[in-house]
Amino acid sequence: MVNDVDESAPVPDDRRQHDRSRLIVDVYYDGQDATGVASTHDISVGGLYMNTQANLPEGSVLLLRIPVADGKQVVVNAEVVYSNPGSGVGVSFQGLSAEDRVLLEVELGRN
């Protein structure tokens, strides 16, 4: 039997457009059916993974508040792009402003 594996196919991590950092902060989220605080696992200017036991299905839109240096925070809408029920969710930022992008880049550069 021949193993037909497409070695050129991207692995999941190769789909990311932005490098992720291991910045661990508490993220405040508010969605249609859930509100709470979750810790980040990794983060980039394109999105983040947050640890939460909340049921946040794929396609859900959340409002996130991400604290950064000097008492500032990044406020952005994010769509749940994958869900790992009972463990966490991966989200993609939607409409990140240029100012908030700079705040995140500076924060990520400190790690």
C-alpha atoms as a PDB file:
ATOM      1  CA  MET A   1       0.000   0.000   0.000  1.00  0.00           C
ATOM      2  CA  VAL A   2       1.315   3.432  -0.940  1.00  0.00           C
ATOM      3  CA  ASN A   3       1.001   6.271   1.567  1.00  0.00           C
ATOM      4  CA  ASP A   4      -0.256   9.290  -0.386  1.00  0.00           C
ATOM      5  CA  VAL A   5       0.692  12.151   1.918  1.00  0.00           C
ATOM      6  CA  ASP A   6       0.790  15.628   0.446  1.00  0.00           C
ATOM      7  CA  GLU A   7       3.880  17.005   2.139  1.00  0.00           C
ATOM      8  CA  SER A   8       3.235  20.447   0.652  1.00  0.00           C
ATOM      9  CA  ALA A   9      -0.120  20.748   2.462  1.00  0.00           C
ATOM     10  CA  PRO A  10       0.069  23.337   5.218  1.00  0.00           C
ATOM     11  CA  VAL A  11      -0.067  22.171   8.806  1.00  0.00           C
ATOM     12  CA  PRO A  12      -2.454  24.142  11.048  1.00  0.00           C
ATOM     13  CA  ASP A  13       0.229  26.493  12.412  1.00  0.00           C
ATOM     14  CA  ASP A  14       1.250  27.410   8.852  1.00  0.00           C
ATOM     15  CA  ARG A  15      -2.168  29.012   8.249  1.00  0.00           C
ATOM     16  CA  ARG A  16      -1.365  31.893  10.570  1.00  0.00           C
ATOM     17  CA  GLN A  17      -0.590  35.186   8.930  1.00  0.00           C
ATOM     18  CA  HIS A  18       1.072  36.660  12.032  1.00  0.00           C
ATOM     19  CA  ASP A  19       3.687  35.354  14.435  1.00  0.00           C
ATOM     20  CA  ARG A  20       2.278  34.590  17.858  1.00  0.00           C
ATOM     21  CA  SER A  21       3.874  35.416  21.203  1.00  0.00           C
ATOM     22  CA  ARG A  22       3.435  33.748  24.564  1.00  0.00           C
ATOM     23  CA  LEU A  23       1.983  36.847  26.216  1.00  0.00           C
ATOM     24  CA  ILE A  24      -0.194  35.780  29.124  1.00  0.00           C
ATOM     25  CA  VAL A  25      -2.687  38.432  30.248  1.00  0.00           C
ATOM     26  CA  ASP A  26      -6.286  38.423  31.393  1.00  0.00           C
ATOM     27  CA  VAL A  27      -8.657  39.209  28.543  1.00  0.00           C
ATOM     28  CA  TYR A  28     -12.129  40.523  29.287  1.00  0.00           C
ATOM     29  CA  TYR A  29     -14.729  39.284  26.842  1.00  0.00           C
ATOM     30  CA  ASP A  30     -18.372  40.032  26.230  1.00  0.00           C
ATOM     31  CA  GLY A  31     -20.487  38.089  23.782  1.00  0.00           C
ATOM     32  CA  GLN A  32     -24.116  37.431  23.060  1.00  0.00           C
ATOM     33  CA  ASP A  33     -24.408  34.611  25.602  1.00  0.00           C
ATOM     34  CA  ALA A  34     -21.224  34.869  27.665  1.00  0.00           C
ATOM     35  CA  THR A  35     -19.242  37.424  29.615  1.00  0.00           C
ATOM     36  CA  GLY A  36     -16.086  36.775  31.566  1.00  0.00           C
ATOM     37  CA  VAL A  37     -12.352  36.879  31.992  1.00  0.00           C
ATOM     38  CA  ALA A  38      -9.971  34.463  30.310  1.00  0.00           C
ATOM     39  CA  SER A  39      -6.206  34.225  30.150  1.00  0.00           C
ATOM     40  CA  THR A  40      -4.406  34.292  26.847  1.00  0.00           C
ATOM     41  CA  HIS A  41      -2.274  31.397  25.742  1.00  0.00           C
ATOM     42  CA  ASP A  42      -0.725  33.104  22.762  1.00  0.00           C
ATOM     43  CA  ILE A  43      -1.442  36.302  20.904  1.00  0.00           C
ATOM     44  CA  SER A  44      -0.591  38.182  17.708  1.00  0.00           C
ATOM     45  CA  VAL A  45      -1.860  41.284  15.940  1.00  0.00           C
ATOM     46  CA  GLY A  46      -4.261  38.967  14.084  1.00  0.00           C
ATOM     47  CA  GLY A  47      -5.851  37.160  17.008  1.00  0.00           C
ATOM     48  CA  LEU A  48      -5.316  35.102  20.114  1.00  0.00           C
ATOM     49  CA  TYR A  49      -6.098  31.895  21.930  1.00  0.00           C
ATOM     50  CA  MET A  50      -7.790  32.288  25.263  1.00  0.00           C
ATOM     51  CA  ASN A  51      -8.259  29.678  27.963  1.00  0.00           C
ATOM     52  CA  THR A  52     -11.885  29.522  29.043  1.00  0.00           C
ATOM     53  CA  GLN A  53     -14.413  26.899  30.020  1.00  0.00           C
ATOM     54  CA  ALA A  54     -17.234  29.008  28.571  1.00  0.00           C
ATOM     55  CA  ASN A  55     -19.142  27.559  25.625  1.00  0.00           C
ATOM     56  CA  LEU A  56     -18.223  29.919  22.781  1.00  0.00           C
ATOM     57  CA  PRO A  57     -19.144  28.292  19.455  1.00  0.00           C
ATOM     58  CA  GLU A  58     -17.338  28.975  16.189  1.00  0.00           C
ATOM     59  CA  GLY A  59     -18.706  32.079  14.488  1.00  0.00           C
ATOM     60  CA  SER A  60     -19.508  33.847  17.768  1.00  0.00           C
ATOM     61  CA  VAL A  61     -18.483  37.496  17.882  1.00  0.00           C
ATOM     62  CA  LEU A  62     -16.984  38.824  21.094  1.00  0.00           C
ATOM     63  CA  LEU A  63     -15.921  42.246  22.294  1.00  0.00           C
ATOM     64  CA  LEU A  64     -12.452  41.880  23.835  1.00  0.00           C
ATOM     65  CA  ARG A  65     -10.608  44.204  26.199  1.00  0.00           C
ATOM     66  CA  ILE A  66      -6.901  43.394  26.352  1.00  0.00           C
ATOM     67  CA  PRO A  67      -4.818  45.274  28.932  1.00  0.00           C
ATOM     68  CA  VAL A  68      -1.435  46.531  27.767  1.00  0.00           C
ATOM     69  CA  ALA A  69       1.288  48.700  29.315  1.00  0.00           C
ATOM     70  CA  ASP A  70       0.722  52.038  31.014  1.00  0.00           C
ATOM     71  CA  GLY A  71      -2.862  51.200  31.991  1.00  0.00           C
ATOM     72  CA  LYS A  72      -4.030  51.222  28.382  1.00  0.00           C
ATOM     73  CA  GLN A  73      -6.180  48.578  26.770  1.00  0.00           C
ATOM     74  CA  VAL A  74      -6.915  47.326  23.289  1.00  0.00           C
ATOM     75  CA  VAL A  75     -10.647  47.033  22.582  1.00  0.00           C
ATOM     76  CA  VAL A  76     -11.538  44.957  19.530  1.00  0.00           C
ATOM     77  CA  ASN A  77     -14.247  42.712  18.118  1.00  0.00           C
ATOM     78  CA  ALA A  78     -13.140  39.143  17.559  1.00  0.00           C
ATOM     79  CA  GLU A  79     -14.707  36.137  15.861  1.00  0.00           C
ATOM     80  CA  VAL A  80     -14.307  32.659  17.321  1.00  0.00           C
ATOM     81  CA  VAL A  81     -12.590  30.690  14.555  1.00  0.00           C
ATOM     82  CA  TYR A  82     -12.196  27.448  16.480  1.00  0.00           C
ATOM     83  CA  SER A  83     -13.476  26.137  19.752  1.00  0.00           C
ATOM     84  CA  ASN A  84     -12.044  23.553  22.087  1.00  0.00           C
ATOM     85  CA  PRO A  85     -15.001  23.107  24.492  1.00  0.00           C
ATOM     86  CA  GLY A  86     -13.998  23.168  28.132  1.00  0.00           C
ATOM     87  CA  SER A  87     -10.484  24.422  27.320  1.00  0.00           C
ATOM     88  CA  GLY A  88     -10.569  27.542  25.190  1.00  0.00           C
ATOM     89  CA  VAL A  89     -11.097  29.263  21.856  1.00  0.00           C
ATOM     90  CA  GLY A  90      -9.053  30.774  19.068  1.00  0.00           C
ATOM     91  CA  VAL A  91     -10.268  34.157  17.872  1.00  0.00           C
ATOM     92  CA  SER A  92      -9.486  36.382  14.917  1.00  0.00           C
ATOM     93  CA  PHE A  93      -9.546  40.135  15.434  1.00  0.00           C
ATOM     94  CA  GLN A  94     -12.082  42.038  13.324  1.00  0.00           C
ATOM     95  CA  GLY A  95     -11.425  45.708  12.538  1.00  0.00           C
ATOM     96  CA  LEU A  96      -8.355  46.246  14.732  1.00  0.00           C
ATOM     97  CA  SER A  97      -7.594  49.970  14.579  1.00  0.00           C
ATOM     98  CA  ALA A  98      -4.147  51.196  13.556  1.00  0.00           C
ATOM     99  CA  GLU A  99      -3.648  52.664  17.043  1.00  0.00           C
ATOM    100  CA  ASP A 100      -4.561  49.386  18.758  1.00  0.00           C
ATOM    101  CA  ARG A 101      -2.340  47.448  16.359  1.00  0.00           C
ATOM    102  CA  VAL A 102       0.611  49.627  17.391  1.00  0.00           C
ATOM    103  CA  LEU A 103      -0.211  49.095  21.094  1.00  0.00           C
ATOM    104  CA  LEU A 104      -0.220  45.315  20.553  1.00  0.00           C
ATOM    105  CA  GLU A 105       2.996  45.368  18.531  1.00  0.00           C
ATOM    106  CA  VAL A 106       4.762  47.325  21.278  1.00  0.00           C
ATOM    107  CA  GLU A 107       3.439  44.960  23.956  1.00  0.00           C
ATOM    108  CA  LEU A 108       4.434  41.876  21.982  1.00  0.00           C
ATOM    109  CA  GLY A 109       7.879  43.329  21.351  1.00  0.00           C
ATOM    110  CA  ARG A 110       8.508  43.468  25.095  1.00  0.00           C
ATOM    111  CA  ASN A 111       8.408  39.676  25.401  1.00  0.00           C
END
